[in-house]
Amino acid sequence: MRRDYDVAVVGGGLVGAALAWGLARDGQRVVVLDEGDMASRASRANFALVWVQSKGLGMAQYMGWTVRSSDAWRQLAQDLRAQTGLDVCFERPGGFHLALGEAELAARAQRLKRLHNQPGAADTSVEVLDRAAVERMLPGIGPEVAGGSFCPLDGHVNSLRTLHAFHKGLHLLGADYRPGHTVHDVVPAQAGFRLMTSRGEVGAEKIVLAAGNANMRLAPLVGLKSPMQPNRGQILVTERAAPFLHYPLVTIRQTDEGTIMIGDSREETTDETMLDLSIAAVEADRARRMFPALGKLNVVRTWSGIRVMTQDGFPIYDQSERYPGAFVVGCHSGVTLAANHALVLAPMIARGRLNADLVGAFSARRFDVAKVA
């Protein structure tokens, strides 16, 4: 069989682009097979947080994996800028989760206690602050804010520019990007794979399925699985304002361009062509109660997006034992984990084997254990 490439990455969003960039930097001949600009892409509907606090309840390994990526993000941002000239505006000042009222604050403290009491939990240096401590760092909070949690490892980035930087970097590294190449079938061959796309056939020695929720359909073609449970989120964006919010919150952040992003809804529907204004109203109201000054700003745009979400919320990293050279990568936190995907996971894939000691906990085999239990 003709093998056109060392690796074919299926999916050109943040997860696929980060992996492809890392593989190309490792000397692999890479092709990215993507639906193109009209794709329903979670990478264009995310909140752009590089977030650590709250990650990992039910899987302590995820805490450590998230901390590792947060620590590596500054290096990733520097590498992208040195190669492409693009500043992705990464900042890690720390981040807040605010509580409206004492009941919310108590619930927040209890959740963090459960999170960090898990065996093997990583140290995230998160702390619960009272109102006075929060107000010193976040002047202008509303009277209902009782306090909140603060994690110094949290940050944010310009995610659209990050996606642009990865794709520009891929081009500079000589990788091929093929939009309009929706993958319909994958045929394992004697020494590689044939990928049947809407614009023809592509051959590769290895493949990486990084197609978000579409992994659910593609993974079984190479003896893998990717149980997904997507949901919808809505985001509001205000007009530009003078800089005032110097720390990102889990539901509110001021971008490098001055706009305020608001939102963190979780809806069971997967229809992204509509908005639920009643949910948007709740998001806006909570933001205004946290920062009353937001009530003076106009909302200039809003949208909904479908999250890439596994059934338990944790990443899936797997390799096929039946068809060596086939890998599946799926996760919700494509922004947070981009540094790990580009700098840690991609070199493993380039070598043809995942490091079980590092990412073995994220195999989809864990879902089989859950069924037996």
Protein backbone atom coordinates (compact mmCIF):
# COMPACT_ATOMS: atom_id res chain seq x y z
CA MET A 1 0.00 0.00 0.00
CA ARG A 2 1.22 3.50 -0.78
CA ARG A 3 1.81 5.43 2.41
CA ASP A 4 1.64 9.13 1.67
CA TYR A 5 2.32 10.24 5.26
CA ASP A 6 3.75 9.07 8.55
CA VAL A 7 0.67 10.27 10.44
CA ALA A 8 -2.83 11.31 9.41
CA VAL A 9 -4.62 13.41 12.02
CA VAL A 10 -8.40 13.40 11.65
CA GLY A 11 -9.73 16.72 12.92
CA GLY A 12 -8.31 20.22 12.62
CA GLY A 13 -9.68 21.84 15.77
CA LEU A 14 -7.54 22.72 18.78
CA VAL A 15 -6.95 19.11 19.81
CA GLY A 16 -6.08 17.87 16.33
CA ALA A 17 -4.03 20.96 15.46
CA ALA A 18 -2.00 20.77 18.69
CA LEU A 19 -1.23 17.09 18.10
CA ALA A 20 -0.39 17.62 14.43
CA TRP A 21 1.90 20.55 15.27
CA GLY A 22 3.71 18.47 17.89
CA LEU A 23 4.06 15.54 15.49
CA ALA A 24 5.39 17.73 12.69
CA ARG A 25 7.90 19.31 15.09
CA ASP A 26 9.01 15.77 15.89
CA GLY A 27 9.91 15.21 12.24
CA GLN A 28 6.81 13.27 11.21
CA ARG A 29 5.27 13.74 7.75
CA VAL A 30 1.79 14.89 8.78
CA VAL A 31 -1.53 15.44 7.05
CA VAL A 32 -4.57 16.95 8.78
CA LEU A 33 -7.90 15.79 7.37
CA ASP A 34 -10.57 18.28 8.36
CA GLU A 35 -14.13 19.23 7.53
CA GLY A 36 -12.97 22.80 7.02
CA ASP A 37 -14.22 26.24 8.01
CA MET A 38 -17.88 25.20 7.95
CA ALA A 39 -17.31 22.51 10.57
CA SER A 40 -19.31 22.60 13.80
CA ARG A 41 -16.14 23.25 15.76
CA ALA A 42 -16.02 23.35 19.55
CA SER A 43 -12.72 25.22 19.22
CA ARG A 44 -14.64 28.29 18.09
CA ALA A 45 -17.17 28.20 20.91
CA ASN A 46 -14.99 27.74 23.97
CA PHE A 47 -14.34 29.98 26.94
CA ALA A 48 -10.52 29.99 26.43
CA LEU A 49 -9.58 29.15 30.02
CA VAL A 50 -6.41 27.31 31.00
CA TRP A 51 -8.03 25.97 34.13
CA VAL A 52 -6.86 23.78 37.00
CA GLN A 53 -9.19 24.22 40.00
CA SER A 54 -12.15 21.85 40.13
CA LYS A 55 -10.58 19.41 37.65
CA GLY A 56 -10.38 15.75 38.62
CA LEU A 57 -13.14 14.86 41.07
CA GLY A 58 -13.45 11.11 40.53
CA MET A 59 -10.05 10.77 38.80
CA ALA A 60 -7.09 12.17 40.69
CA GLN A 61 -4.76 11.50 37.74
CA TYR A 62 -6.59 14.18 35.81
CA MET A 63 -5.61 16.77 38.43
CA GLY A 64 -1.93 16.05 37.88
CA TRP A 65 -2.32 15.99 34.10
CA THR A 66 -4.03 19.38 34.17
CA VAL A 67 -1.39 20.92 36.43
CA ARG A 68 1.32 19.62 34.09
CA SER A 69 -0.32 21.29 31.09
CA SER A 70 -0.84 24.58 32.92
CA ASP A 71 2.85 24.58 33.86
CA ALA A 72 3.86 23.90 30.23
CA TRP A 73 1.59 26.52 28.64
CA ARG A 74 4.06 29.39 28.89
CA GLN A 75 6.65 27.37 26.98
CA LEU A 76 4.07 26.48 24.34
CA ALA A 77 3.08 30.13 23.92
CA GLN A 78 6.74 31.13 23.59
CA ASP A 79 7.43 28.39 21.03
CA LEU A 80 4.42 29.37 18.93
CA ARG A 81 5.40 33.03 18.96
CA ALA A 82 9.02 32.28 18.07
CA GLN A 83 7.92 30.16 15.12
CA THR A 84 4.90 32.05 13.80
CA GLY A 85 5.19 35.58 15.18
CA LEU A 86 1.72 35.24 16.72
CA ASP A 87 1.13 36.21 20.35
CA VAL A 88 -1.62 33.96 21.75
CA CYS A 89 -1.95 36.26 24.80
CA PHE A 90 -1.46 33.56 27.41
CA GLU A 91 -1.65 34.83 30.99
CA ARG A 92 -1.59 32.90 34.27
CA PRO A 93 -2.42 35.38 37.00
CA GLY A 94 -4.54 32.83 38.88
CA GLY A 95 -8.29 32.43 38.69
CA PHE A 96 -11.42 32.73 40.82
CA HIS A 97 -14.62 30.82 41.37
CA LEU A 98 -16.95 33.26 43.17
CA ALA A 99 -19.85 32.33 45.43
CA LEU A 100 -23.08 34.30 45.69
CA GLY A 101 -24.07 33.80 49.32
CA GLU A 102 -22.77 31.72 52.21
CA ALA A 103 -24.48 28.52 51.04
CA GLU A 104 -22.63 28.59 47.71
CA LEU A 105 -19.35 29.31 49.48
CA ALA A 106 -19.83 26.37 51.87
CA ALA A 107 -20.68 24.06 48.97
CA ARG A 108 -17.59 25.26 47.11
CA ALA A 109 -15.34 24.59 50.10
CA GLN A 110 -16.81 21.12 50.53
CA ARG A 111 -16.24 20.24 46.86
CA LEU A 112 -12.62 21.34 47.01
CA LYS A 113 -12.11 19.30 50.17
CA ARG A 114 -13.46 16.18 48.44
CA LEU A 115 -11.29 16.89 45.41
CA HIS A 116 -8.06 17.22 47.34
CA ASN A 117 -8.77 14.34 49.75
CA GLN A 118 -8.57 11.88 46.87
CA PRO A 119 -5.58 9.51 47.00
CA GLY A 120 -2.91 10.79 44.65
CA ALA A 121 -4.42 14.26 44.31
CA ALA A 122 -2.04 16.90 42.96
CA ASP A 123 -1.23 20.07 44.85
CA THR A 124 -3.04 22.93 43.11
CA SER A 125 -2.49 25.48 45.92
CA VAL A 126 -6.17 26.41 45.73
CA GLU A 127 -7.59 28.26 48.73
CA VAL A 128 -11.00 29.44 49.84
CA LEU A 129 -11.08 33.18 50.53
CA ASP A 130 -13.60 35.24 52.46
CA ARG A 131 -15.22 38.34 51.00
CA ALA A 132 -12.60 40.76 52.31
CA ALA A 133 -9.74 38.80 50.75
CA VAL A 134 -11.57 38.52 47.43
CA GLU A 135 -12.39 42.23 47.40
CA ARG A 136 -8.73 43.15 47.80
CA MET A 137 -7.98 41.31 44.56
CA LEU A 138 -11.26 41.97 42.76
CA PRO A 139 -12.45 45.50 43.58
CA GLY A 140 -15.99 46.16 42.49
CA ILE A 141 -17.58 42.85 43.48
CA GLY A 142 -21.24 43.00 44.34
CA PRO A 143 -22.70 42.85 47.86
CA GLU A 144 -23.94 39.27 47.38
CA VAL A 145 -20.43 37.88 46.86
CA ALA A 146 -19.59 35.98 50.05
CA GLY A 147 -16.14 34.85 48.95
CA GLY A 148 -14.69 32.33 46.56
CA SER A 149 -11.84 30.02 45.71
CA PHE A 150 -8.58 31.15 44.14
CA CYS A 151 -6.04 28.97 42.31
CA PRO A 152 -2.70 30.52 41.27
CA LEU A 153 -2.31 27.97 38.44
CA ASP A 154 -5.35 29.19 36.49
CA GLY A 155 -5.14 31.43 33.45
CA HIS A 156 -6.55 32.17 30.02
CA VAL A 157 -5.54 32.69 26.40
CA ASN A 158 -6.80 33.94 23.05
CA SER A 159 -8.01 30.57 21.79
CA LEU A 160 -8.84 31.65 18.23
CA ARG A 161 -5.33 33.04 17.82
CA THR A 162 -3.96 29.80 19.30
CA LEU A 163 -5.81 27.80 16.66
CA HIS A 164 -4.44 30.16 14.00
CA ALA A 165 -0.90 29.81 15.38
CA PHE A 166 -1.05 26.01 15.32
CA HIS A 167 -2.23 26.01 11.71
CA LYS A 168 0.37 28.58 10.65
CA GLY A 169 3.01 26.54 12.45
CA LEU A 170 1.88 23.39 10.66
CA HIS A 171 2.28 25.12 7.32
CA LEU A 172 5.78 26.34 8.22
CA LEU A 173 6.72 22.80 9.26
CA GLY A 174 5.65 21.42 5.89
CA ALA A 175 2.56 19.57 7.08
CA ASP A 176 -0.44 19.28 4.76
CA TYR A 177 -3.82 20.64 5.80
CA ARG A 178 -6.72 19.32 3.76
CA PRO A 179 -10.07 21.03 4.43
CA GLY A 180 -13.18 19.49 2.98
CA HIS A 181 -11.81 16.01 3.65
CA THR A 182 -14.47 14.53 5.91
CA VAL A 183 -13.37 10.98 6.76
CA HIS A 184 -16.07 8.41 6.02
CA ASP A 185 -14.12 5.21 6.53
CA VAL A 186 -10.78 3.93 7.76
CA VAL A 187 -9.43 0.69 6.31
CA PRO A 188 -6.52 -0.95 8.17
CA ALA A 189 -3.97 -2.40 5.77
CA GLN A 190 -0.87 -4.55 6.14
CA ALA A 191 1.40 -1.62 6.95
CA GLY A 192 -0.75 1.37 7.70
CA PHE A 193 -4.21 2.73 7.01
CA ARG A 194 -6.28 3.96 4.11
CA LEU A 195 -8.61 6.83 4.95
CA MET A 196 -11.59 7.31 2.68
CA THR A 197 -12.58 10.96 2.56
CA SER A 198 -15.14 13.04 0.70
CA ARG A 199 -12.31 14.09 -1.66
CA GLY A 200 -10.43 10.88 -2.16
CA GLU A 201 -8.18 8.40 -0.42
CA VAL A 202 -5.19 9.13 1.81
CA GLY A 203 -2.62 6.62 3.08
CA ALA A 204 -0.68 6.86 6.34
CA GLU A 205 1.41 4.64 8.57
CA LYS A 206 -0.32 5.92 11.72
CA ILE A 207 -3.61 7.69 12.34
CA VAL A 208 -4.83 9.90 15.18
CA LEU A 209 -8.57 10.32 15.60
CA ALA A 210 -9.02 13.81 17.06
CA ALA A 211 -12.42 14.58 15.58
CA GLY A 212 -14.28 15.49 18.76
CA ASN A 213 -17.70 13.92 19.12
CA ALA A 214 -17.25 12.25 15.72
CA ASN A 215 -14.70 9.96 17.38
CA MET A 216 -17.70 7.98 18.59
CA ARG A 217 -18.30 6.89 14.99
CA LEU A 218 -14.69 6.64 13.84
CA ALA A 219 -13.02 4.83 16.75
CA PRO A 220 -14.73 1.42 16.21
CA LEU A 221 -13.32 1.35 12.67
CA VAL A 222 -9.86 0.70 14.15
CA GLY A 223 -10.81 -1.42 17.16
CA LEU A 224 -11.19 1.47 19.58
CA LYS A 225 -14.08 3.25 21.28
CA SER A 226 -14.83 6.76 22.39
CA PRO A 227 -18.02 6.99 24.48
CA MET A 228 -19.25 10.57 24.21
CA GLN A 229 -22.01 12.61 25.80
CA PRO A 230 -21.96 16.07 24.18
CA ASN A 231 -23.86 19.00 25.61
CA ARG A 232 -24.44 22.61 24.69
CA GLY A 233 -23.15 25.82 26.26
CA GLN A 234 -24.04 29.46 25.65
CA ILE A 235 -21.71 32.45 25.75
CA LEU A 236 -22.40 36.18 25.83
CA VAL A 237 -19.87 38.85 24.85
CA THR A 238 -20.12 42.51 25.85
CA GLU A 239 -18.77 45.62 24.21
CA ARG A 240 -15.19 46.58 25.02
CA ALA A 241 -14.47 48.10 28.41
CA ALA A 242 -11.44 49.60 30.09
CA PRO A 243 -9.36 46.87 31.78
CA PHE A 244 -10.79 46.10 35.20
CA LEU A 245 -10.91 42.31 35.54
CA HIS A 246 -7.31 41.22 36.00
CA TYR A 247 -8.12 37.64 36.96
CA PRO A 248 -10.29 35.22 34.97
CA LEU A 249 -13.30 33.63 36.64
CA VAL A 250 -14.76 30.28 35.72
CA THR A 251 -17.79 32.07 34.23
CA ILE A 252 -16.49 35.61 33.48
CA ARG A 253 -13.30 36.85 31.89
CA GLN A 254 -12.05 40.00 30.20
CA THR A 255 -10.28 39.22 26.93
CA ASP A 256 -7.07 40.78 25.69
CA GLU A 257 -9.28 42.87 23.37
CA GLY A 258 -11.29 44.33 26.26
CA THR A 259 -14.59 42.49 25.78
CA ILE A 260 -16.19 40.55 28.63
CA MET A 261 -17.10 36.91 28.04
CA ILE A 262 -19.88 35.46 30.20
CA GLY A 263 -21.21 31.95 30.32
CA ASP A 264 -20.95 28.40 31.52
CA SER A 265 -24.31 26.80 30.84
CA ARG A 266 -24.70 23.05 30.40
CA GLU A 267 -27.72 21.97 28.39
CA GLU A 268 -28.67 18.48 27.27
CA THR A 269 -29.67 19.65 23.80
CA THR A 270 -27.11 19.47 20.98
CA ASP A 271 -28.82 21.95 18.66
CA GLU A 272 -26.36 24.82 18.15
CA THR A 273 -28.57 26.70 15.69
CA MET A 274 -30.65 28.29 18.44
CA LEU A 275 -30.30 30.09 21.77
CA ASP A 276 -32.26 29.74 24.98
CA LEU A 277 -32.68 33.34 26.11
CA SER A 278 -33.91 32.30 29.54
CA ILE A 279 -30.55 30.62 30.18
CA ALA A 280 -28.64 33.58 28.77
CA ALA A 281 -30.61 35.84 31.10
CA VAL A 282 -29.55 33.79 34.14
CA GLU A 283 -25.91 33.90 33.04
CA ALA A 284 -26.06 37.68 32.58
CA ASP A 285 -27.84 38.19 35.89
CA ARG A 286 -25.27 36.20 37.88
CA ALA A 287 -22.45 38.12 36.21
CA ARG A 288 -24.11 41.44 37.07
CA ARG A 289 -24.59 40.36 40.70
CA MET A 290 -20.90 39.49 40.91
CA PHE A 291 -19.80 42.75 39.24
CA PRO A 292 -22.58 45.39 39.21
CA ALA A 293 -20.64 47.55 36.72
CA LEU A 294 -21.33 44.93 34.05
CA GLY A 295 -24.96 46.04 34.09
CA LYS A 296 -23.94 49.18 32.18
CA LEU A 297 -22.40 47.25 29.25
CA ASN A 298 -24.19 46.17 26.09
CA VAL A 299 -24.13 42.57 24.93
CA VAL A 300 -22.84 42.69 21.35
CA ARG A 301 -23.01 39.02 20.43
CA THR A 302 -23.98 35.64 21.79
CA TRP A 303 -23.75 32.11 20.53
CA SER A 304 -24.14 28.48 21.52
CA GLY A 305 -21.66 25.69 20.95
CA ILE A 306 -21.57 21.93 21.36
CA ARG A 307 -19.00 20.67 23.82
CA VAL A 308 -16.83 17.67 23.11
CA MET A 309 -17.55 15.65 26.24
CA THR A 310 -16.75 12.04 27.11
CA GLN A 311 -19.29 10.13 29.15
CA ASP A 312 -17.42 10.72 32.42
CA GLY A 313 -15.94 14.10 31.49
CA PHE A 314 -12.31 12.93 31.53
CA PRO A 315 -10.02 12.63 28.49
CA ILE A 316 -9.74 9.52 26.36
CA TYR A 317 -6.25 8.64 25.11
CA ASP A 318 -6.02 5.19 23.61
CA GLN A 319 -4.12 3.07 21.12
CA SER A 320 -5.40 0.09 19.19
CA GLU A 321 -3.95 -3.29 20.07
CA ARG A 322 -5.75 -4.87 17.12
CA TYR A 323 -4.48 -2.27 14.64
CA PRO A 324 -1.14 -0.88 15.90
CA GLY A 325 -0.57 2.68 14.85
CA ALA A 326 -4.15 3.83 15.43
CA PHE A 327 -4.78 6.29 18.25
CA VAL A 328 -7.81 8.12 19.57
CA VAL A 329 -7.65 11.43 21.48
CA GLY A 330 -10.78 13.08 22.84
CA CYS A 331 -11.39 15.58 25.62
CA HIS A 332 -13.44 18.56 26.72
CA SER A 333 -10.55 20.79 27.82
CA GLY A 334 -8.83 21.28 24.48
CA VAL A 335 -7.48 24.69 25.49
CA THR A 336 -6.21 23.70 28.92
CA LEU A 337 -4.61 20.50 27.65
CA ALA A 338 -3.12 21.93 24.44
CA ALA A 339 0.37 22.10 25.94
CA ASN A 340 0.25 18.44 26.97
CA HIS A 341 -1.11 17.39 23.59
CA ALA A 342 1.58 19.26 21.64
CA LEU A 343 4.59 18.71 23.89
CA VAL A 344 3.92 15.37 25.64
CA LEU A 345 1.32 13.27 23.83
CA ALA A 346 2.46 13.99 20.25
CA PRO A 347 6.02 12.67 20.83
CA MET A 348 4.54 9.45 22.26
CA ILE A 349 2.43 8.99 19.14
CA ALA A 350 5.43 9.74 16.95
CA ARG A 351 7.26 6.87 18.66
CA GLY A 352 4.21 4.64 18.11
CA ARG A 353 3.32 3.91 21.73
CA LEU A 354 1.56 5.73 24.56
CA ASN A 355 3.31 5.82 27.92
CA ALA A 356 0.96 3.81 30.13
CA ASP A 357 2.55 5.15 33.31
CA LEU A 358 1.67 8.69 32.26
CA VAL A 359 -1.65 8.39 30.41
CA GLY A 360 -2.82 4.82 31.04
CA ALA A 361 -5.60 6.01 33.35
CA PHE A 362 -7.24 7.77 30.40
CA SER A 363 -7.81 4.63 28.34
CA ALA A 364 -11.43 3.99 27.36
CA ARG A 365 -11.04 0.58 29.00
CA ARG A 366 -12.07 2.31 32.20
CA PHE A 367 -15.66 2.27 30.93
CA ASP A 368 -15.55 -1.54 30.79
CA VAL A 369 -14.47 -1.62 34.44
CA ALA A 370 -17.36 0.67 35.36
CA LYS A 371 -19.88 -1.64 33.66
CA VAL A 372 -18.55 -4.69 35.51
CA ALA A 373 -18.65 -2.82 38.80
